[in-house]
Amino acid sequence: MYRARGAQQLIVIDAREPEGKPGAIYEVPGDVLAAEPVHGVGLHAFRWDNALFVGRKIFGDDFPSDVQVYLIEAQTLDYATELSGPVVAAVEKVAAKIAARLVIAPEA
């Protein structure tokens, strides 16, 4: 949340608990997923959805108003060394979406 201060955009990418179709992509505005941390929770349980909520509270208008979250449904969350085929395809789609969003200033 500290590194997002002053940024115009913030993009979060995370795995989603397997519930349906591996590789499914869920594109959600950050304000929908921002969650107030449970009182008394230490930093080890502080997640990105909590960081979105707290970042907005602490930094106000200096926190990005354009926050986009991409959740990719995992095939499994067991220990593994490789992503499944459907998840790899989803990662490539999300990477293309992010590349299309990037605004690169021309060199002077």
PDB file of N, CA and C in Angstrom:
ATOM      1  N   MET A   1       0.823  -1.189   0.000  1.00  0.00           N
ATOM      2  CA  MET A   1       0.000   0.000   0.000  1.00  0.00           C
ATOM      3  C   MET A   1       0.863   1.246   0.000  1.00  0.00           C
ATOM      4  N   TYR A   2       2.043   1.169   0.614  1.00  0.00           N
ATOM      5  CA  TYR A   2       2.921   2.331   0.651  1.00  0.00           C
ATOM      6  C   TYR A   2       3.482   2.651  -0.721  1.00  0.00           C
ATOM      7  N   ARG A   3       3.783   1.642  -1.502  1.00  0.00           N
ATOM      8  CA  ARG A   3       4.344   1.851  -2.839  1.00  0.00           C
ATOM      9  C   ARG A   3       3.284   2.357  -3.809  1.00  0.00           C
ATOM     10  N   ALA A   4       2.021   2.172  -3.487  1.00  0.00           N
ATOM     11  CA  ALA A   4       0.943   2.644  -4.359  1.00  0.00           C
ATOM     12  C   ALA A   4       0.689   4.145  -4.169  1.00  0.00           C
ATOM     13  N   ARG A   5       1.165   4.687  -3.084  1.00  0.00           N
ATOM     14  CA  ARG A   5       0.932   6.113  -2.795  1.00  0.00           C
ATOM     15  C   ARG A   5       1.472   6.962  -3.945  1.00  0.00           C
ATOM     16  N   GLY A   6       0.627   7.826  -4.474  1.00  0.00           N
ATOM     17  CA  GLY A   6       1.013   8.723  -5.551  1.00  0.00           C
ATOM     18  C   GLY A   6       0.880   8.128  -6.938  1.00  0.00           C
ATOM     19  N   ALA A   7       0.599   6.847  -7.042  1.00  0.00           N
ATOM     20  CA  ALA A   7       0.443   6.206  -8.351  1.00  0.00           C
ATOM     21  C   ALA A   7      -0.916   6.554  -8.944  1.00  0.00           C
ATOM     22  N   GLN A   8      -0.997   6.515 -10.262  1.00  0.00           N
ATOM     23  CA  GLN A   8      -2.274   6.758 -10.927  1.00  0.00           C
ATOM     24  C   GLN A   8      -3.126   5.496 -10.992  1.00  0.00           C
ATOM     25  N   GLN A   9      -2.465   4.358 -11.157  1.00  0.00           N
ATOM     26  CA  GLN A   9      -3.166   3.086 -11.276  1.00  0.00           C
ATOM     27  C   GLN A   9      -2.515   2.056 -10.368  1.00  0.00           C
ATOM     28  N   LEU A  10      -3.317   1.098  -9.945  1.00  0.00           N
ATOM     29  CA  LEU A  10      -2.811  -0.035  -9.177  1.00  0.00           C
ATOM     30  C   LEU A  10      -3.487  -1.279  -9.723  1.00  0.00           C
ATOM     31  N   ILE A  11      -2.682  -2.281 -10.043  1.00  0.00           N
ATOM     32  CA  ILE A  11      -3.209  -3.548 -10.548  1.00  0.00           C
ATOM     33  C   ILE A  11      -2.760  -4.653  -9.606  1.00  0.00           C
ATOM     34  N   VAL A  12      -3.715  -5.455  -9.144  1.00  0.00           N
ATOM     35  CA  VAL A  12      -3.442  -6.577  -8.251  1.00  0.00           C
ATOM     36  C   VAL A  12      -3.795  -7.854  -9.005  1.00  0.00           C
ATOM     37  N   ILE A  13      -2.902  -8.835  -8.956  1.00  0.00           N
ATOM     38  CA  ILE A  13      -3.154 -10.134  -9.583  1.00  0.00           C
ATOM     39  C   ILE A  13      -2.975 -11.192  -8.506  1.00  0.00           C
ATOM     40  N   ASP A  14      -3.941 -12.096  -8.399  1.00  0.00           N
ATOM     41  CA  ASP A  14      -3.854 -13.126  -7.372  1.00  0.00           C
ATOM     42  C   ASP A  14      -4.565 -14.383  -7.853  1.00  0.00           C
ATOM     43  N   ALA A  15      -4.248 -15.473  -7.197  1.00  0.00           N
ATOM     44  CA  ALA A  15      -4.949 -16.725  -7.460  1.00  0.00           C
ATOM     45  C   ALA A  15      -6.260 -16.717  -6.686  1.00  0.00           C
ATOM     46  N   ARG A  16      -7.228 -17.393  -7.232  1.00  0.00           N
ATOM     47  CA  ARG A  16      -8.522 -17.533  -6.568  1.00  0.00           C
ATOM     48  C   ARG A  16      -8.679 -18.993  -6.171  1.00  0.00           C
ATOM     49  N   GLU A  17      -9.274 -19.184  -5.031  1.00  0.00           N
ATOM     50  CA  GLU A  17      -9.551 -20.529  -4.516  1.00  0.00           C
ATOM     51  C   GLU A  17     -10.295 -21.329  -5.584  1.00  0.00           C
ATOM     52  N   PRO A  18      -9.844 -22.568  -5.863  1.00  0.00           N
ATOM     53  CA  PRO A  18     -10.535 -23.380  -6.870  1.00  0.00           C
ATOM     54  C   PRO A  18     -11.960 -23.708  -6.438  1.00  0.00           C
ATOM     55  N   GLU A  19     -12.922 -23.307  -7.255  1.00  0.00           N
ATOM     56  CA  GLU A  19     -14.326 -23.606  -6.961  1.00  0.00           C
ATOM     57  C   GLU A  19     -15.075 -24.078  -8.193  1.00  0.00           C
ATOM     58  N   GLY A  20     -14.586 -23.712  -9.362  1.00  0.00           N
ATOM     59  CA  GLY A  20     -15.326 -24.044 -10.572  1.00  0.00           C
ATOM     60  C   GLY A  20     -14.423 -24.417 -11.709  1.00  0.00           C
ATOM     61  N   LYS A  21     -14.110 -23.434 -12.543  1.00  0.00           N
ATOM     62  CA  LYS A  21     -13.360 -23.696 -13.768  1.00  0.00           C
ATOM     63  C   LYS A  21     -11.928 -23.159 -13.633  1.00  0.00           C
ATOM     64  N   PRO A  22     -10.925 -24.038 -13.590  1.00  0.00           N
ATOM     65  CA  PRO A  22      -9.542 -23.580 -13.523  1.00  0.00           C
ATOM     66  C   PRO A  22      -9.218 -22.657 -14.695  1.00  0.00           C
ATOM     67  N   GLY A  23      -8.547 -21.564 -14.397  1.00  0.00           N
ATOM     68  CA  GLY A  23      -8.180 -20.596 -15.421  1.00  0.00           C
ATOM     69  C   GLY A  23      -9.217 -19.514 -15.651  1.00  0.00           C
ATOM     70  N   ALA A  24     -10.364 -19.621 -14.970  1.00  0.00           N
ATOM     71  CA  ALA A  24     -11.369 -18.560 -15.107  1.00  0.00           C
ATOM     72  C   ALA A  24     -10.767 -17.256 -14.587  1.00  0.00           C
ATOM     73  N   ILE A  25     -11.042 -16.166 -15.280  1.00  0.00           N
ATOM     74  CA  ILE A  25     -10.506 -14.856 -14.910  1.00  0.00           C
ATOM     75  C   ILE A  25     -11.646 -14.002 -14.373  1.00  0.00           C
ATOM     76  N   TYR A  26     -11.419 -13.413 -13.213  1.00  0.00           N
ATOM     77  CA  TYR A  26     -12.381 -12.510 -12.608  1.00  0.00           C
ATOM     78  C   TYR A  26     -11.727 -11.142 -12.531  1.00  0.00           C
ATOM     79  N   GLU A  27     -12.309 -10.175 -13.223  1.00  0.00           N
ATOM     80  CA  GLU A  27     -11.783  -8.814 -13.270  1.00  0.00           C
ATOM     81  C   GLU A  27     -12.723  -7.956 -12.434  1.00  0.00           C
ATOM     82  N   VAL A  28     -12.206  -7.437 -11.322  1.00  0.00           N
ATOM     83  CA  VAL A  28     -13.064  -6.754 -10.351  1.00  0.00           C
ATOM     84  C   VAL A  28     -12.445  -5.414  -9.951  1.00  0.00           C
ATOM     85  N   PRO A  29     -13.228  -4.347  -9.910  1.00  0.00           N
ATOM     86  CA  PRO A  29     -12.701  -3.084  -9.407  1.00  0.00           C
ATOM     87  C   PRO A  29     -12.254  -3.245  -7.952  1.00  0.00           C
ATOM     88  N   GLY A  30     -11.129  -2.639  -7.617  1.00  0.00           N
ATOM     89  CA  GLY A  30     -10.557  -2.792  -6.284  1.00  0.00           C
ATOM     90  C   GLY A  30     -11.470  -2.375  -5.158  1.00  0.00           C
ATOM     91  N   ASP A  31     -12.302  -1.344  -5.375  1.00  0.00           N
ATOM     92  CA  ASP A  31     -13.160  -0.889  -4.283  1.00  0.00           C
ATOM     93  C   ASP A  31     -14.206  -1.936  -3.907  1.00  0.00           C
ATOM     94  N   VAL A  32     -14.511  -2.846  -4.816  1.00  0.00           N
ATOM     95  CA  VAL A  32     -15.461  -3.914  -4.522  1.00  0.00           C
ATOM     96  C   VAL A  32     -14.842  -4.931  -3.559  1.00  0.00           C
ATOM     97  N   LEU A  33     -13.530  -5.137  -3.675  1.00  0.00           N
ATOM     98  CA  LEU A  33     -12.869  -6.169  -2.875  1.00  0.00           C
ATOM     99  C   LEU A  33     -12.130  -5.627  -1.650  1.00  0.00           C
ATOM    100  N   ALA A  34     -11.997  -4.313  -1.531  1.00  0.00           N
ATOM    101  CA  ALA A  34     -11.307  -3.743  -0.372  1.00  0.00           C
ATOM    102  C   ALA A  34     -12.032  -4.174   0.899  1.00  0.00           C
ATOM    103  N   ALA A  35     -11.269  -4.659   1.868  1.00  0.00           N
ATOM    104  CA  ALA A  35     -11.882  -5.184   3.088  1.00  0.00           C
ATOM    105  C   ALA A  35     -11.187  -4.622   4.318  1.00  0.00           C
ATOM    106  N   GLU A  36     -11.979  -4.142   5.249  1.00  0.00           N
ATOM    107  CA  GLU A  36     -11.422  -3.636   6.500  1.00  0.00           C
ATOM    108  C   GLU A  36     -10.811  -4.802   7.271  1.00  0.00           C
ATOM    109  N   PRO A  37      -9.575  -4.624   7.762  1.00  0.00           N
ATOM    110  CA  PRO A  37      -8.954  -5.702   8.536  1.00  0.00           C
ATOM    111  C   PRO A  37      -9.731  -5.961   9.830  1.00  0.00           C
ATOM    112  N   VAL A  38      -9.732  -7.190  10.247  1.00  0.00           N
ATOM    113  CA  VAL A  38     -10.361  -7.551  11.513  1.00  0.00           C
ATOM    114  C   VAL A  38      -9.541  -6.943  12.641  1.00  0.00           C
ATOM    115  N   HIS A  39     -10.198  -6.344  13.603  1.00  0.00           N
ATOM    116  CA  HIS A  39      -9.507  -5.706  14.728  1.00  0.00           C
ATOM    117  C   HIS A  39      -8.620  -6.733  15.445  1.00  0.00           C
ATOM    118  N   GLY A  40      -7.392  -6.342  15.690  1.00  0.00           N
ATOM    119  CA  GLY A  40      -6.468  -7.201  16.422  1.00  0.00           C
ATOM    120  C   GLY A  40      -5.663  -8.141  15.541  1.00  0.00           C
ATOM    121  N   VAL A  41      -5.875  -8.069  14.230  1.00  0.00           N
ATOM    122  CA  VAL A  41      -5.130  -8.936  13.317  1.00  0.00           C
ATOM    123  C   VAL A  41      -3.727  -8.361  13.134  1.00  0.00           C
ATOM    124  N   GLY A  42      -2.714  -9.211  13.251  1.00  0.00           N
ATOM    125  CA  GLY A  42      -1.336  -8.775  13.063  1.00  0.00           C
ATOM    126  C   GLY A  42      -0.980  -8.669  11.593  1.00  0.00           C
ATOM    127  N   LEU A  43       0.213  -8.181  11.315  1.00  0.00           N
ATOM    128  CA  LEU A  43       0.645  -7.982   9.932  1.00  0.00           C
ATOM    129  C   LEU A  43       0.738  -9.278   9.138  1.00  0.00           C
ATOM    130  N   HIS A  44       0.926 -10.410   9.808  1.00  0.00           N
ATOM    131  CA  HIS A  44       1.024 -11.683   9.081  1.00  0.00           C
ATOM    132  C   HIS A  44      -0.301 -12.066   8.442  1.00  0.00           C
ATOM    133  N   ALA A  45      -1.395 -11.570   8.974  1.00  0.00           N
ATOM    134  CA  ALA A  45      -2.707 -11.882   8.413  1.00  0.00           C
ATOM    135  C   ALA A  45      -3.247 -10.723   7.577  1.00  0.00           C
ATOM    136  N   PHE A  46      -2.454  -9.675   7.392  1.00  0.00           N
ATOM    137  CA  PHE A  46      -2.840  -8.491   6.634  1.00  0.00           C
ATOM    138  C   PHE A  46      -2.694  -8.800   5.153  1.00  0.00           C
ATOM    139  N   ARG A  47      -3.811  -8.796   4.418  1.00  0.00           N
ATOM    140  CA  ARG A  47      -3.810  -9.210   3.018  1.00  0.00           C
ATOM    141  C   ARG A  47      -3.935  -7.998   2.100  1.00  0.00           C
ATOM    142  N   TRP A  48      -3.833  -8.250   0.776  1.00  0.00           N
ATOM    143  CA  TRP A  48      -3.913  -7.143  -0.181  1.00  0.00           C
ATOM    144  C   TRP A  48      -5.262  -6.451  -0.144  1.00  0.00           C
ATOM    145  N   ASP A  49      -6.355  -7.182   0.124  1.00  0.00           N
ATOM    146  CA  ASP A  49      -7.664  -6.533   0.195  1.00  0.00           C
ATOM    147  C   ASP A  49      -7.734  -5.585   1.393  1.00  0.00           C
ATOM    148  N   ASN A  50      -7.023  -5.948   2.477  1.00  0.00           N
ATOM    149  CA  ASN A  50      -6.921  -5.048   3.623  1.00  0.00           C
ATOM    150  C   ASN A  50      -6.075  -3.830   3.279  1.00  0.00           C
ATOM    151  N   ALA A  51      -4.996  -4.045   2.508  1.00  0.00           N
ATOM    152  CA  ALA A  51      -4.114  -2.949   2.109  1.00  0.00           C
ATOM    153  C   ALA A  51      -4.863  -1.938   1.238  1.00  0.00           C
ATOM    154  N   LEU A  52      -5.773  -2.392   0.391  1.00  0.00           N
ATOM    155  CA  LEU A  52      -6.564  -1.476  -0.416  1.00  0.00           C
ATOM    156  C   LEU A  52      -7.432  -0.591   0.480  1.00  0.00           C
ATOM    157  N   PHE A  53      -8.067  -1.191   1.456  1.00  0.00           N
ATOM    158  CA  PHE A  53      -8.935  -0.459   2.376  1.00  0.00           C
ATOM    159  C   PHE A  53      -8.133   0.547   3.203  1.00  0.00           C
ATOM    160  N   VAL A  54      -7.058   0.083   3.806  1.00  0.00           N
ATOM    161  CA  VAL A  54      -6.254   0.935   4.686  1.00  0.00           C
ATOM    162  C   VAL A  54      -5.512   2.009   3.872  1.00  0.00           C
ATOM    163  N   GLY A  55      -5.013   1.649   2.701  1.00  0.00           N
ATOM    164  CA  GLY A  55      -4.331   2.633   1.854  1.00  0.00           C
ATOM    165  C   GLY A  55      -5.223   3.805   1.521  1.00  0.00           C
ATOM    166  N   ARG A  56      -6.473   3.526   1.189  1.00  0.00           N
ATOM    167  CA  ARG A  56      -7.439   4.591   0.888  1.00  0.00           C
ATOM    168  C   ARG A  56      -7.690   5.450   2.134  1.00  0.00           C
ATOM    169  N   LYS A  57      -7.797   4.816   3.296  1.00  0.00           N
ATOM    170  CA  LYS A  57      -8.048   5.549   4.544  1.00  0.00           C
ATOM    171  C   LYS A  57      -6.863   6.444   4.905  1.00  0.00           C
ATOM    172  N   ILE A  58      -5.654   5.928   4.776  1.00  0.00           N
ATOM    173  CA  ILE A  58      -4.464   6.675   5.186  1.00  0.00           C
ATOM    174  C   ILE A  58      -4.103   7.764   4.174  1.00  0.00           C
ATOM    175  N   PHE A  59      -4.079   7.409   2.896  1.00  0.00           N
ATOM    176  CA  PHE A  59      -3.557   8.316   1.878  1.00  0.00           C
ATOM    177  C   PHE A  59      -4.628   9.123   1.158  1.00  0.00           C
ATOM    178  N   GLY A  60      -5.899   8.763   1.323  1.00  0.00           N
ATOM    179  CA  GLY A  60      -6.985   9.517   0.694  1.00  0.00           C
ATOM    180  C   GLY A  60      -6.799   9.669  -0.801  1.00  0.00           C
ATOM    181  N   ASP A  61      -6.810  10.919  -1.285  1.00  0.00           N
ATOM    182  CA  ASP A  61      -6.703  11.185  -2.717  1.00  0.00           C
ATOM    183  C   ASP A  61      -5.326  10.864  -3.287  1.00  0.00           C
ATOM    184  N   ASP A  62      -4.347  10.623  -2.421  1.00  0.00           N
ATOM    185  CA  ASP A  62      -3.009  10.277  -2.902  1.00  0.00           C
ATOM    186  C   ASP A  62      -2.871   8.769  -3.160  1.00  0.00           C
ATOM    187  N   PHE A  63      -3.953   8.018  -2.919  1.00  0.00           N
ATOM    188  CA  PHE A  63      -3.975   6.585  -3.221  1.00  0.00           C
ATOM    189  C   PHE A  63      -4.658   6.435  -4.578  1.00  0.00           C
ATOM    190  N   PRO A  64      -4.215   5.507  -5.416  1.00  0.00           N
ATOM    191  CA  PRO A  64      -4.797   5.396  -6.762  1.00  0.00           C
ATOM    192  C   PRO A  64      -6.310   5.220  -6.727  1.00  0.00           C
ATOM    193  N   SER A  65      -6.994   5.986  -7.554  1.00  0.00           N
ATOM    194  CA  SER A  65      -8.443   5.812  -7.662  1.00  0.00           C
ATOM    195  C   SER A  65      -8.770   4.699  -8.651  1.00  0.00           C
ATOM    196  N   ASP A  66      -7.821   4.391  -9.537  1.00  0.00           N
ATOM    197  CA  ASP A  66      -7.992   3.334 -10.527  1.00  0.00           C
ATOM    198  C   ASP A  66      -7.288   2.081 -10.019  1.00  0.00           C
ATOM    199  N   VAL A  67      -8.047   1.227  -9.342  1.00  0.00           N
ATOM    200  CA  VAL A  67      -7.507  -0.028  -8.813  1.00  0.00           C
ATOM    201  C   VAL A  67      -8.271  -1.174  -9.472  1.00  0.00           C
ATOM    202  N   GLN A  68      -7.541  -2.034 -10.145  1.00  0.00           N
ATOM    203  CA  GLN A  68      -8.146  -3.172 -10.829  1.00  0.00           C
ATOM    204  C   GLN A  68      -7.543  -4.451 -10.275  1.00  0.00           C
ATOM    205  N   VAL A  69      -8.399  -5.412  -9.986  1.00  0.00           N
ATOM    206  CA  VAL A  69      -7.953  -6.695  -9.448  1.00  0.00           C
ATOM    207  C   VAL A  69      -8.294  -7.787 -10.459  1.00  0.00           C
ATOM    208  N   TYR A  70      -7.307  -8.614 -10.748  1.00  0.00           N
ATOM    209  CA  TYR A  70      -7.499  -9.785 -11.601  1.00  0.00           C
ATOM    210  C   TYR A  70      -7.299 -11.017 -10.731  1.00  0.00           C
ATOM    211  N   LEU A  71      -8.327 -11.836 -10.639  1.00  0.00           N
ATOM    212  CA  LEU A  71      -8.236 -13.095  -9.908  1.00  0.00           C
ATOM    213  C   LEU A  71      -8.305 -14.222 -10.922  1.00  0.00           C
ATOM    214  N   ILE A  72      -7.346 -15.123 -10.854  1.00  0.00           N
ATOM    215  CA  ILE A  72      -7.311 -16.272 -11.760  1.00  0.00           C
ATOM    216  C   ILE A  72      -7.588 -17.513 -10.930  1.00  0.00           C
ATOM    217  N   GLU A  73      -8.638 -18.218 -11.310  1.00  0.00           N
ATOM    218  CA  GLU A  73      -9.001 -19.405 -10.542  1.00  0.00           C
ATOM    219  C   GLU A  73      -7.950 -20.490 -10.726  1.00  0.00           C
ATOM    220  N   ALA A  74      -7.413 -20.932  -9.613  1.00  0.00           N
ATOM    221  CA  ALA A  74      -6.391 -21.973  -9.624  1.00  0.00           C
ATOM    222  C   ALA A  74      -7.032 -23.332  -9.896  1.00  0.00           C
ATOM    223  N   GLN A  75      -6.248 -24.238 -10.423  1.00  0.00           N
ATOM    224  CA  GLN A  75      -6.723 -25.615 -10.563  1.00  0.00           C
ATOM    225  C   GLN A  75      -6.574 -26.328  -9.229  1.00  0.00           C
ATOM    226  N   THR A  76      -5.482 -26.019  -8.544  1.00  0.00           N
ATOM    227  CA  THR A  76      -5.225 -26.579  -7.229  1.00  0.00           C
ATOM    228  C   THR A  76      -4.325 -25.613  -6.473  1.00  0.00           C
ATOM    229  N   LEU A  77      -4.433 -25.623  -5.176  1.00  0.00           N
ATOM    230  CA  LEU A  77      -3.536 -24.816  -4.350  1.00  0.00           C
ATOM    231  C   LEU A  77      -2.554 -25.709  -3.590  1.00  0.00           C
ATOM    232  N   ASP A  78      -2.472 -26.969  -4.024  1.00  0.00           N
ATOM    233  CA  ASP A  78      -1.477 -27.872  -3.453  1.00  0.00           C
ATOM    234  C   ASP A  78      -0.091 -27.409  -3.885  1.00  0.00           C
ATOM    235  N   TYR A  79       0.920 -27.876  -3.182  1.00  0.00           N
ATOM    236  CA  TYR A  79       2.293 -27.540  -3.574  1.00  0.00           C
ATOM    237  C   TYR A  79       2.577 -28.111  -4.945  1.00  0.00           C
ATOM    238  N   ALA A  80       3.090 -27.255  -5.820  1.00  0.00           N
ATOM    239  CA  ALA A  80       3.416 -27.688  -7.174  1.00  0.00           C
ATOM    240  C   ALA A  80       4.524 -26.789  -7.708  1.00  0.00           C
ATOM    241  N   THR A  81       5.182 -27.248  -8.732  1.00  0.00           N
ATOM    242  CA  THR A  81       6.253 -26.441  -9.318  1.00  0.00           C
ATOM    243  C   THR A  81       5.832 -25.790 -10.624  1.00  0.00           C
ATOM    244  N   GLU A  82       4.678 -26.166 -11.164  1.00  0.00           N
ATOM    245  CA  GLU A  82       4.227 -25.617 -12.436  1.00  0.00           C
ATOM    246  C   GLU A  82       2.754 -25.251 -12.364  1.00  0.00           C
ATOM    247  N   LEU A  83       2.374 -24.291 -13.199  1.00  0.00           N
ATOM    248  CA  LEU A  83       0.971 -23.938 -13.325  1.00  0.00           C
ATOM    249  C   LEU A  83       0.299 -24.913 -14.289  1.00  0.00           C
ATOM    250  N   SER A  84      -0.996 -25.141 -14.093  1.00  0.00           N
ATOM    251  CA  SER A  84      -1.733 -26.004 -15.021  1.00  0.00           C
ATOM    252  C   SER A  84      -1.930 -25.266 -16.341  1.00  0.00           C
ATOM    253  N   GLY A  85      -2.216 -26.002 -17.392  1.00  0.00           N
ATOM    254  CA  GLY A  85      -2.429 -25.422 -18.713  1.00  0.00           C
ATOM    255  C   GLY A  85      -3.479 -24.317 -18.738  1.00  0.00           C
ATOM    256  N   PRO A  86      -4.673 -24.548 -18.157  1.00  0.00           N
ATOM    257  CA  PRO A  86      -5.687 -23.496 -18.158  1.00  0.00           C
ATOM    258  C   PRO A  86      -5.243 -22.235 -17.411  1.00  0.00           C
ATOM    259  N   VAL A  87      -4.471 -22.405 -16.369  1.00  0.00           N
ATOM    260  CA  VAL A  87      -3.995 -21.244 -15.607  1.00  0.00           C
ATOM    261  C   VAL A  87      -2.928 -20.492 -16.395  1.00  0.00           C
ATOM    262  N   VAL A  88      -2.044 -21.199 -17.070  1.00  0.00           N
ATOM    263  CA  VAL A  88      -1.039 -20.545 -17.924  1.00  0.00           C
ATOM    264  C   VAL A  88      -1.741 -19.707 -18.994  1.00  0.00           C
ATOM    265  N   ALA A  89      -2.762 -20.265 -19.633  1.00  0.00           N
ATOM    266  CA  ALA A  89      -3.500 -19.527 -20.667  1.00  0.00           C
ATOM    267  C   ALA A  89      -4.157 -18.282 -20.069  1.00  0.00           C
ATOM    268  N   ALA A  90      -4.694 -18.407 -18.869  1.00  0.00           N
ATOM    269  CA  ALA A  90      -5.328 -17.261 -18.206  1.00  0.00           C
ATOM    270  C   ALA A  90      -4.302 -16.194 -17.859  1.00  0.00           C
ATOM    271  N   VAL A  91      -3.135 -16.596 -17.389  1.00  0.00           N
ATOM    272  CA  VAL A  91      -2.063 -15.645 -17.076  1.00  0.00           C
ATOM    273  C   VAL A  91      -1.689 -14.860 -18.331  1.00  0.00           C
ATOM    274  N   GLU A  92      -1.591 -15.537 -19.456  1.00  0.00           N
ATOM    275  CA  GLU A  92      -1.254 -14.859 -20.710  1.00  0.00           C
ATOM    276  C   GLU A  92      -2.334 -13.857 -21.105  1.00  0.00           C
ATOM    277  N   LYS A  93      -3.605 -14.214 -20.915  1.00  0.00           N
ATOM    278  CA  LYS A  93      -4.710 -13.289 -21.223  1.00  0.00           C
ATOM    279  C   LYS A  93      -4.658 -12.058 -20.314  1.00  0.00           C
ATOM    280  N   VAL A  94      -4.415 -12.283 -19.030  1.00  0.00           N
ATOM    281  CA  VAL A  94      -4.345 -11.161 -18.086  1.00  0.00           C
ATOM    282  C   VAL A  94      -3.155 -10.266 -18.422  1.00  0.00           C
ATOM    283  N   ALA A  95      -2.019 -10.860 -18.771  1.00  0.00           N
ATOM    284  CA  ALA A  95      -0.847 -10.069 -19.153  1.00  0.00           C
ATOM    285  C   ALA A  95      -1.160  -9.193 -20.364  1.00  0.00           C
ATOM    286  N   ALA A  96      -1.896  -9.719 -21.325  1.00  0.00           N
ATOM    287  CA  ALA A  96      -2.273  -8.937 -22.511  1.00  0.00           C
ATOM    288  C   ALA A  96      -3.220  -7.801 -22.130  1.00  0.00           C
ATOM    289  N   LYS A  97      -4.157  -8.065 -21.222  1.00  0.00           N
ATOM    290  CA  LYS A  97      -5.074  -7.010 -20.764  1.00  0.00           C
ATOM    291  C   LYS A  97      -4.306  -5.889 -20.069  1.00  0.00           C
ATOM    292  N   ILE A  98      -3.350  -6.266 -19.252  1.00  0.00           N
ATOM    293  CA  ILE A  98      -2.563  -5.263 -18.534  1.00  0.00           C
ATOM    294  C   ILE A  98      -1.709  -4.464 -19.509  1.00  0.00           C
ATOM    295  N   ALA A  99      -1.097  -5.131 -20.456  1.00  0.00           N
ATOM    296  CA  ALA A  99      -0.277  -4.437 -21.456  1.00  0.00           C
ATOM    297  C   ALA A  99      -1.119  -3.425 -22.230  1.00  0.00           C
ATOM    298  N   ALA A 100      -2.369  -3.773 -22.522  1.00  0.00           N
ATOM    299  CA  ALA A 100      -3.250  -2.861 -23.246  1.00  0.00           C
ATOM    300  C   ALA A 100      -3.624  -1.645 -22.392  1.00  0.00           C
ATOM    301  N   ARG A 101      -3.626  -1.795 -21.080  1.00  0.00           N
ATOM    302  CA  ARG A 101      -3.969  -0.691 -20.172  1.00  0.00           C
ATOM    303  C   ARG A 101      -2.819   0.286 -19.966  1.00  0.00           C
ATOM    304  N   LEU A 102      -1.599  -0.194 -20.149  1.00  0.00           N
ATOM    305  CA  LEU A 102      -0.441   0.640 -19.854  1.00  0.00           C
ATOM    306  C   LEU A 102      -0.359   1.816 -20.818  1.00  0.00           C
ATOM    307  N   VAL A 103      -0.077   2.952 -20.248  1.00  0.00           N
ATOM    308  CA  VAL A 103       0.123   4.155 -21.049  1.00  0.00           C
ATOM    309  C   VAL A 103       1.591   4.505 -20.929  1.00  0.00           C
ATOM    310  N   ILE A 104       2.304   4.407 -22.032  1.00  0.00           N
ATOM    311  CA  ILE A 104       3.732   4.682 -22.020  1.00  0.00           C
ATOM    312  C   ILE A 104       3.965   6.030 -22.685  1.00  0.00           C
ATOM    313  N   ALA A 105       4.592   6.935 -21.930  1.00  0.00           N
ATOM    314  CA  ALA A 105       4.880   8.270 -22.458  1.00  0.00           C
ATOM    315  C   ALA A 105       5.968   8.177 -23.519  1.00  0.00           C
ATOM    316  N   PRO A 106       5.814   8.916 -24.609  1.00  0.00           N
ATOM    317  CA  PRO A 106       6.858   8.885 -25.645  1.00  0.00           C
ATOM    318  C   PRO A 106       8.146   9.506 -25.117  1.00  0.00           C
ATOM    319  N   GLU A 107       9.261   8.997 -25.601  1.00  0.00           N
ATOM    320  CA  GLU A 107      10.561   9.529 -25.166  1.00  0.00           C
ATOM    321  C   GLU A 107      10.740  10.939 -25.708  1.00  0.00           C
ATOM    322  N   ALA A 108      11.333  11.780 -24.885  1.00  0.00           N
ATOM    323  CA  ALA A 108      11.534  13.188 -25.296  1.00  0.00           C
ATOM    324  C   ALA A 108      12.775  13.341 -26.132  1.00  0.00           C
TER     325      ALA A 108
END
